[in-house]
Amino acid sequence: MLGKIAPTEKNFEMAPVVLQAGYSILRKKGRVGRVGEDVLLCFRMFSSVIIIFGLIVFETISSIDNAIVNAHVLKSLPEKYRKFFLFWGLIFAVFLVRGLLPILIVWMANISTPFTEVVRLAFSDPATTEQALEHSKPLLLLGGGVYLFFVFLSWLFLEEKKYAFFAEHFIHRQSVWFYAISSIFITAVIYLSVQVNPWMALSASIGSTAFFLTDGFRKNAEEKEKNLAAASMSAISKILYLEVLDASFSIDGVVGAFAFTISVPLILIGNGIGAFVVREFTIRGLNVITKFAYLKNGAMYSIGMLGGLMIFESFGREFPFWAAPLNTCLLLGVFLYLSVREIKMAKKFLA
């Protein structure tokens, strides 16, 4: 029976040291009651803020390519259609894609639970939902982790890029090995999954299938981008295609969000704000953001890191709530520094 969650030591196993110490003192004095609940509430608020911040950063850097494509196509649209896309497109991206997709993913991991019940639980009592979904969490994390790690491997081996390190250039030259390494990787994951839970093996297989489906769509979209910029296509056709393209790009951000939390409201808030930031870059700051040559590298390493975290966590390895946000911000900081250094070196060379 689902009820309110009382503050226990288990709730605090991932809490900051200060909160753990404060809770221990209150417990010794026999004053764990209303005060203990207040401390627990403060911790939840603190962790929620950190998670939302990490989600915003991840959604923003993982959607840079999307913003670039949108900006190029929007240049060929009349002003009224640009405004239409930027307003209604944002509503569609936040509420219908980034809002509905996480719920669908959670429901697919709990297919025996009615969809309406998943929606009700997700928004009426998120904490209880997280406990109720604990049994299906490994399935959700493994499928998402495999998907994200394949995205990272594909970028590392196959995609043209600005090389931040010599190793990236070397690996890209060995692109033929992507298929061999991917096959060995998914075979190993499925083998290990079968030892734990056969349903986890199916989840890993679904994650790899989802990658190849979306990857094929994106490659086709890249070829169609030139046609989108052509004047012969109607404005409505371009807007509809951009919406579909945005939905495909948003999958990485939504799947990666589960490395931060399985709370649907937090995912909706973080990814929603991130989508708004990306729209702002599309309108105003795209020329600035494209100067930072290695941000895409940072996004891809972040995706690979989150995929790895999700896979390890699905097999029982626990990580503190701040692990995903901290690693995402650190990787962004590293590649932002490399980008700034590149800009300075280019200016010196031109001078």
Protein backbone atom coordinates (compact mmCIF):
# COMPACT_ATOMS: atom_id res chain seq x y z
CA MET A 1 0.00 0.00 0.00
CA LEU A 2 1.39 3.39 -0.98
CA GLY A 3 1.77 5.90 1.81
CA LYS A 4 3.88 8.83 2.94
CA ILE A 5 7.59 8.26 3.20
CA ALA A 6 8.96 8.77 6.69
CA PRO A 7 12.47 10.19 7.19
CA THR A 8 14.85 7.28 7.74
CA GLU A 9 18.60 6.73 7.65
CA LYS A 10 18.22 5.25 4.16
CA ASN A 11 16.79 8.54 2.88
CA PHE A 12 20.03 10.22 3.97
CA GLU A 13 22.61 7.78 2.68
CA MET A 14 23.35 10.10 -0.24
CA ALA A 15 22.98 13.36 1.72
CA PRO A 16 25.77 15.88 2.25
CA VAL A 17 27.94 15.33 5.33
CA VAL A 18 26.48 18.35 7.14
CA LEU A 19 22.92 17.07 6.82
CA GLN A 20 23.95 13.58 7.93
CA ALA A 21 25.67 15.01 11.02
CA GLY A 22 22.68 17.21 11.87
CA TYR A 23 20.29 14.29 11.55
CA SER A 24 22.51 12.12 13.80
CA ILE A 25 22.55 14.80 16.53
CA LEU A 26 18.78 15.19 16.43
CA ARG A 27 18.32 11.44 16.61
CA LYS A 28 20.55 11.14 19.70
CA LYS A 29 18.57 13.88 21.44
CA GLY A 30 15.31 12.14 20.60
CA ARG A 31 14.08 15.12 18.60
CA VAL A 32 13.62 13.44 15.23
CA GLY A 33 10.09 14.47 14.39
CA ARG A 34 9.02 17.69 12.81
CA VAL A 35 12.64 18.91 12.78
CA GLY A 36 13.80 15.73 11.09
CA GLU A 37 11.13 16.16 8.44
CA ASP A 38 12.26 19.76 7.89
CA VAL A 39 15.87 18.62 7.41
CA LEU A 40 14.71 15.95 4.98
CA LEU A 41 12.68 18.55 3.07
CA CYS A 42 15.72 20.86 2.86
CA PHE A 43 17.82 18.03 1.50
CA ARG A 44 15.22 17.15 -1.11
CA MET A 45 15.03 20.78 -2.22
CA PHE A 46 18.83 21.02 -2.38
CA SER A 47 19.15 17.81 -4.41
CA SER A 48 16.29 18.87 -6.71
CA VAL A 49 17.99 22.19 -7.49
CA ILE A 50 21.29 20.42 -8.30
CA ILE A 51 19.52 17.86 -10.50
CA ILE A 52 17.51 20.51 -12.38
CA PHE A 53 20.65 22.59 -12.98
CA GLY A 54 22.45 19.52 -14.34
CA LEU A 55 19.49 18.71 -16.60
CA ILE A 56 19.44 22.27 -17.99
CA VAL A 57 23.16 22.14 -18.78
CA PHE A 58 22.92 18.70 -20.37
CA GLU A 59 19.83 19.52 -22.45
CA THR A 60 21.47 22.74 -23.68
CA ILE A 61 24.83 21.29 -24.78
CA SER A 62 23.28 18.12 -26.24
CA SER A 63 20.93 20.23 -28.42
CA ILE A 64 23.53 22.50 -30.03
CA ASP A 65 23.29 20.63 -33.36
CA ASN A 66 19.52 21.00 -33.25
CA ALA A 67 19.83 24.76 -32.71
CA ILE A 68 22.23 25.08 -35.67
CA VAL A 69 19.89 23.19 -38.03
CA ASN A 70 16.90 25.23 -36.85
CA ALA A 71 18.75 28.53 -37.34
CA HIS A 72 19.83 27.65 -40.89
CA VAL A 73 16.32 26.68 -41.96
CA LEU A 74 14.62 29.58 -40.16
CA LYS A 75 16.70 32.03 -42.21
CA SER A 76 14.75 30.93 -45.29
CA LEU A 77 11.33 31.47 -43.64
CA PRO A 78 9.24 34.67 -43.62
CA GLU A 79 9.20 36.55 -40.31
CA LYS A 80 5.67 35.46 -39.29
CA TYR A 81 6.54 31.79 -39.75
CA ARG A 82 9.73 32.21 -37.72
CA LYS A 83 7.70 33.62 -34.82
CA PHE A 84 5.13 30.85 -35.20
CA PHE A 85 7.81 28.14 -35.00
CA LEU A 86 9.71 29.74 -32.13
CA PHE A 87 6.55 30.06 -29.99
CA TRP A 88 4.44 27.04 -30.89
CA GLY A 89 7.54 24.95 -31.55
CA LEU A 90 8.68 25.59 -27.99
CA ILE A 91 5.26 24.54 -26.64
CA PHE A 92 5.42 21.36 -28.73
CA ALA A 93 9.04 20.63 -27.73
CA VAL A 94 8.46 21.10 -24.00
CA PHE A 95 4.99 19.70 -23.34
CA LEU A 96 4.41 17.13 -26.10
CA VAL A 97 7.97 15.80 -26.57
CA ARG A 98 9.98 16.42 -23.41
CA GLY A 99 6.84 16.15 -21.29
CA LEU A 100 5.22 13.07 -22.82
CA LEU A 101 8.31 11.06 -23.75
CA PRO A 102 9.60 10.54 -20.17
CA ILE A 103 6.15 9.30 -19.10
CA LEU A 104 6.03 6.92 -22.08
CA ILE A 105 9.48 5.57 -21.18
CA VAL A 106 8.45 5.02 -17.55
CA TRP A 107 5.22 3.36 -18.67
CA MET A 108 7.07 1.05 -21.08
CA ALA A 109 9.28 -0.04 -18.19
CA ASN A 110 6.10 -0.76 -16.19
CA ILE A 111 3.84 -2.02 -18.97
CA SER A 112 1.53 -3.83 -16.52
CA THR A 113 0.58 -0.49 -14.90
CA PRO A 114 -2.16 1.47 -16.71
CA PHE A 115 -0.84 4.56 -18.49
CA THR A 116 -3.30 6.84 -16.68
CA GLU A 117 -2.08 5.51 -13.33
CA VAL A 118 1.55 6.22 -14.27
CA VAL A 119 0.60 9.80 -15.17
CA ARG A 120 -1.36 10.26 -11.94
CA LEU A 121 1.46 8.93 -9.76
CA ALA A 122 4.15 10.89 -11.60
CA PHE A 123 2.49 14.24 -10.90
CA SER A 124 0.57 13.63 -7.68
CA ASP A 125 3.23 11.90 -5.57
CA PRO A 126 6.65 11.78 -7.27
CA ALA A 127 8.44 10.35 -4.21
CA THR A 128 6.05 7.42 -3.99
CA THR A 129 6.36 6.91 -7.75
CA GLU A 130 10.12 6.58 -7.45
CA GLN A 131 9.69 3.89 -4.80
CA ALA A 132 7.00 2.12 -6.84
CA LEU A 133 9.28 2.11 -9.91
CA GLU A 134 12.30 0.81 -8.02
CA HIS A 135 11.76 -2.75 -9.33
CA SER A 136 11.70 -1.57 -12.97
CA LYS A 137 14.51 0.98 -12.61
CA PRO A 138 17.25 -1.42 -13.84
CA LEU A 139 15.27 -2.06 -17.06
CA LEU A 140 14.82 1.66 -17.68
CA LEU A 141 18.45 2.51 -16.91
CA LEU A 142 19.99 -0.31 -18.95
CA GLY A 143 17.97 0.40 -22.09
CA GLY A 144 18.70 4.12 -21.83
CA GLY A 145 22.37 3.55 -20.99
CA VAL A 146 22.93 1.29 -24.00
CA TYR A 147 21.22 3.83 -26.26
CA LEU A 148 23.38 6.72 -24.99
CA PHE A 149 26.63 4.74 -25.14
CA PHE A 150 25.89 3.80 -28.75
CA VAL A 151 25.32 7.49 -29.52
CA PHE A 152 28.75 8.24 -28.03
CA LEU A 153 30.51 5.41 -29.89
CA SER A 154 28.92 6.45 -33.18
CA TRP A 155 30.14 10.04 -32.73
CA LEU A 156 33.61 8.89 -31.66
CA PHE A 157 34.15 6.52 -34.59
CA LEU A 158 31.99 7.78 -37.46
CA GLU A 159 31.20 11.49 -37.20
CA GLU A 160 33.29 14.30 -38.64
CA LYS A 161 34.38 16.54 -35.80
CA LYS A 162 36.79 19.17 -34.54
CA TYR A 163 39.44 17.07 -32.82
CA ALA A 164 40.12 18.10 -29.23
CA PHE A 165 42.66 15.31 -28.71
CA PHE A 166 44.93 13.30 -30.99
CA ALA A 167 43.17 10.11 -29.84
CA GLU A 168 39.91 11.35 -31.40
CA HIS A 169 41.61 11.68 -34.79
CA PHE A 170 43.18 8.23 -34.45
CA ILE A 171 39.87 6.58 -33.47
CA HIS A 172 37.99 8.33 -36.28
CA ARG A 173 40.47 6.84 -38.77
CA GLN A 174 39.53 3.38 -37.43
CA SER A 175 35.83 3.98 -38.12
CA VAL A 176 35.33 0.49 -39.52
CA TRP A 177 35.81 -0.86 -36.00
CA PHE A 178 32.62 0.85 -34.76
CA TYR A 179 30.46 -2.06 -35.84
CA ALA A 180 32.75 -4.71 -34.34
CA ILE A 181 33.09 -2.89 -31.01
CA SER A 182 29.36 -2.13 -30.86
CA SER A 183 28.51 -5.77 -31.51
CA ILE A 184 30.93 -7.02 -28.85
CA PHE A 185 29.63 -4.41 -26.39
CA ILE A 186 25.94 -5.28 -26.78
CA THR A 187 26.70 -9.01 -26.70
CA ALA A 188 28.61 -8.60 -23.41
CA VAL A 189 25.82 -6.48 -21.90
CA ILE A 190 23.14 -8.98 -22.90
CA TYR A 191 25.20 -11.89 -21.53
CA LEU A 192 25.66 -10.15 -18.16
CA SER A 193 21.98 -9.14 -18.13
CA VAL A 194 20.77 -12.71 -18.59
CA GLN A 195 22.67 -13.70 -15.45
CA VAL A 196 20.71 -11.11 -13.44
CA ASN A 197 17.31 -10.78 -15.12
CA PRO A 198 16.31 -11.90 -18.65
CA TRP A 199 14.09 -8.82 -18.95
CA MET A 200 17.21 -6.67 -18.64
CA ALA A 201 18.61 -8.41 -21.74
CA LEU A 202 15.47 -7.42 -23.65
CA SER A 203 15.83 -3.85 -22.37
CA ALA A 204 19.43 -3.69 -23.64
CA SER A 205 18.30 -5.01 -27.02
CA ILE A 206 15.54 -2.37 -27.19
CA GLY A 207 18.10 0.35 -26.36
CA SER A 208 20.36 -0.71 -29.25
CA THR A 209 17.39 -0.98 -31.64
CA ALA A 210 16.23 2.53 -30.66
CA PHE A 211 19.70 3.87 -31.42
CA PHE A 212 19.89 2.42 -34.94
CA LEU A 213 16.35 3.61 -35.74
CA THR A 214 17.00 7.20 -34.62
CA ASP A 215 20.52 7.22 -36.10
CA GLY A 216 19.14 6.26 -39.52
CA PHE A 217 16.52 9.00 -39.28
CA ARG A 218 19.15 11.61 -38.37
CA LYS A 219 21.43 10.64 -41.23
CA ASN A 220 18.49 11.00 -43.60
CA ALA A 221 17.65 14.36 -41.98
CA GLU A 222 21.18 15.62 -42.59
CA GLU A 223 20.79 14.88 -46.29
CA LYS A 224 17.38 16.58 -46.36
CA GLU A 225 18.68 19.72 -44.65
CA LYS A 226 19.81 21.19 -47.97
CA ASN A 227 16.28 20.75 -49.35
CA LEU A 228 14.83 22.41 -46.27
CA ALA A 229 16.79 25.56 -46.99
CA ALA A 230 15.59 25.60 -50.58
CA ALA A 231 12.98 28.20 -51.47
CA SER A 232 10.90 25.63 -53.38
CA MET A 233 9.59 24.03 -50.17
CA SER A 234 6.60 25.65 -48.49
CA ALA A 235 7.02 27.32 -45.09
CA ILE A 236 4.54 24.90 -43.47
CA SER A 237 6.48 21.90 -44.81
CA LYS A 238 9.70 23.26 -43.34
CA ILE A 239 8.09 23.91 -39.95
CA LEU A 240 6.57 20.42 -39.80
CA TYR A 241 9.89 18.84 -40.72
CA LEU A 242 11.71 20.91 -38.09
CA GLU A 243 9.26 19.71 -35.44
CA VAL A 244 9.88 16.07 -36.33
CA LEU A 245 13.62 16.72 -36.42
CA ASP A 246 13.47 18.43 -33.02
CA ALA A 247 11.62 15.42 -31.59
CA SER A 248 14.38 13.08 -32.78
CA PHE A 249 17.13 15.30 -31.37
CA SER A 250 15.33 15.55 -28.03
CA ILE A 251 15.50 11.77 -27.46
CA ASP A 252 19.14 12.00 -26.32
CA GLY A 253 18.26 14.65 -23.74
CA VAL A 254 15.21 12.79 -22.43
CA VAL A 255 16.96 9.42 -22.18
CA GLY A 256 20.03 11.01 -20.58
CA ALA A 257 17.80 12.73 -18.03
CA PHE A 258 17.16 9.37 -16.37
CA ALA A 259 20.82 9.27 -15.37
CA PHE A 260 20.06 12.33 -13.20
CA THR A 261 16.69 11.22 -11.78
CA ILE A 262 13.62 9.09 -12.45
CA SER A 263 11.34 11.88 -11.22
CA VAL A 264 9.23 12.92 -14.22
CA PRO A 265 8.42 16.44 -12.87
CA LEU A 266 12.14 17.22 -12.39
CA ILE A 267 12.89 15.94 -15.90
CA LEU A 268 10.09 18.08 -17.33
CA ILE A 269 11.32 21.20 -15.51
CA GLY A 270 15.02 20.72 -16.32
CA ASN A 271 14.59 19.70 -19.96
CA GLY A 272 11.86 22.32 -20.46
CA ILE A 273 14.12 25.16 -19.30
CA GLY A 274 16.95 23.66 -21.36
CA ALA A 275 14.71 23.68 -24.46
CA PHE A 276 13.93 27.35 -23.83
CA VAL A 277 17.68 28.13 -23.57
CA VAL A 278 18.29 26.32 -26.87
CA ARG A 279 15.53 28.39 -28.51
CA GLU A 280 17.21 31.57 -27.23
CA PHE A 281 20.50 30.43 -28.77
CA THR A 282 18.64 29.78 -32.03
CA ILE A 283 17.33 33.37 -32.06
CA ARG A 284 20.13 35.43 -30.55
CA GLY A 285 23.28 33.63 -29.58
CA LEU A 286 23.99 31.08 -32.29
CA ASN A 287 26.88 33.04 -33.82
CA VAL A 288 28.47 33.20 -30.38
CA ILE A 289 27.92 29.58 -29.41
CA THR A 290 29.30 28.20 -32.69
CA LYS A 291 32.64 29.91 -31.97
CA PHE A 292 33.21 27.43 -29.16
CA ALA A 293 34.45 24.61 -31.37
CA TYR A 294 34.67 21.86 -28.76
CA LEU A 295 31.27 22.18 -27.06
CA LYS A 296 29.92 19.32 -29.21
CA ASN A 297 32.81 17.17 -27.96
CA GLY A 298 31.88 18.00 -24.39
CA ALA A 299 28.25 17.07 -25.07
CA MET A 300 29.22 13.71 -26.56
CA TYR A 301 31.62 12.80 -23.74
CA SER A 302 28.86 13.76 -21.32
CA ILE A 303 26.44 11.45 -23.17
CA GLY A 304 28.98 8.62 -23.01
CA MET A 305 29.58 9.23 -19.31
CA LEU A 306 25.84 9.26 -18.53
CA GLY A 307 25.35 6.09 -20.55
CA GLY A 308 28.09 4.40 -18.52
CA LEU A 309 26.57 5.56 -15.22
CA MET A 310 23.16 4.23 -16.23
CA ILE A 311 24.56 0.84 -17.23
CA PHE A 312 26.56 0.43 -14.01
CA GLU A 313 23.59 1.57 -11.92
CA SER A 314 21.30 -0.94 -13.64
CA PHE A 315 23.60 -3.70 -12.38
CA GLY A 316 23.37 -2.47 -8.79
CA ARG A 317 26.16 0.14 -8.54
CA GLU A 318 24.82 3.19 -6.67
CA PHE A 319 25.91 6.78 -7.33
CA PRO A 320 25.12 9.93 -5.30
CA PHE A 321 22.55 12.34 -6.76
CA TRP A 322 25.28 14.85 -7.61
CA ALA A 323 27.41 12.45 -9.71
CA ALA A 324 25.67 13.07 -13.07
CA PRO A 325 25.32 16.89 -12.69
CA LEU A 326 28.91 17.28 -11.45
CA ASN A 327 30.44 15.19 -14.24
CA THR A 328 28.36 16.97 -16.87
CA CYS A 329 29.45 20.41 -15.62
CA LEU A 330 33.10 19.34 -15.32
CA LEU A 331 33.16 18.00 -18.87
CA LEU A 332 31.49 21.17 -20.13
CA GLY A 333 34.08 23.25 -18.26
CA VAL A 334 37.00 21.30 -19.75
CA PHE A 335 35.82 21.62 -23.34
CA LEU A 336 34.73 25.22 -22.85
CA TYR A 337 38.30 25.96 -21.70
CA LEU A 338 39.72 24.17 -24.76
CA SER A 339 37.39 26.19 -27.00
CA VAL A 340 38.41 29.52 -25.42
CA ARG A 341 42.07 28.55 -25.75
CA GLU A 342 41.49 27.75 -29.44
CA ILE A 343 39.87 31.17 -29.99
CA LYS A 344 42.80 32.96 -28.31
CA MET A 345 45.35 31.00 -30.35
CA ALA A 346 43.49 31.86 -33.57
CA LYS A 347 43.50 35.56 -32.68
CA LYS A 348 47.25 35.47 -31.98
CA PHE A 349 47.87 33.71 -35.28
CA LEU A 350 45.85 36.33 -37.21
CA ALA A 351 47.62 39.15 -35.40
